[in-house]
Amino acid sequence: MLARLAAVMITLVGALGAARPEAPPAATPEAMHSATTVELRVRGLRSSNGKLMAALHDRADGFPKEGGIDFGTATISGGKATIVFSVAPGQYAISCFHDENGNGKLDTNWLGIPKEGVCASNDAKARMGPPKFGDAKFQVGDTTVVQSVQMVYL
């Protein structure tokens, strides 16, 4: 059980630790005109140390390991943090972790089990591997979307 959990979390670590693209693709005038806000609200953070780090994904391919199209960080206050993304209408999923010691990566123990918190949009759970895009995905239209999720510490 611990080995499977460790594999799940290592996969999530890879997703959030992947290099950011040098520059996002240029937005078309139509996409810029129809941008919508996605607000990620994370609760249950056990300390205000470090930062919340998140990756926004627009496809199942590579989720949550790679392929993030946008990244965000936020300070933590009172066990909560918020990150706001501006996106075109479509389908998305978010993976995030609490970088409690501020070193820019998800720390794990010798088994690969996270020492810091992790979560995904829709509170998608890891089952026999990392959370699935299908469980974490949500639809964005022309109004603000709020994703309120619980940080999980193992």
Foldseek 3Di string as FASTA:
>chain_A
DLLLLLQQLVQLQLLQLPDDDPDAPDDDPVQVVQKEKEKEKEAQFPDQAAKKKKFKAQDQVSPRNYHGRDIDIFGDDPRMTMDMDIGGWHKMKMKIWGPRNHPSTFDDPPSNATQTWIAMFLRFCDDSHYGGSVNGMDTDGRYYHYTYYYTDGD
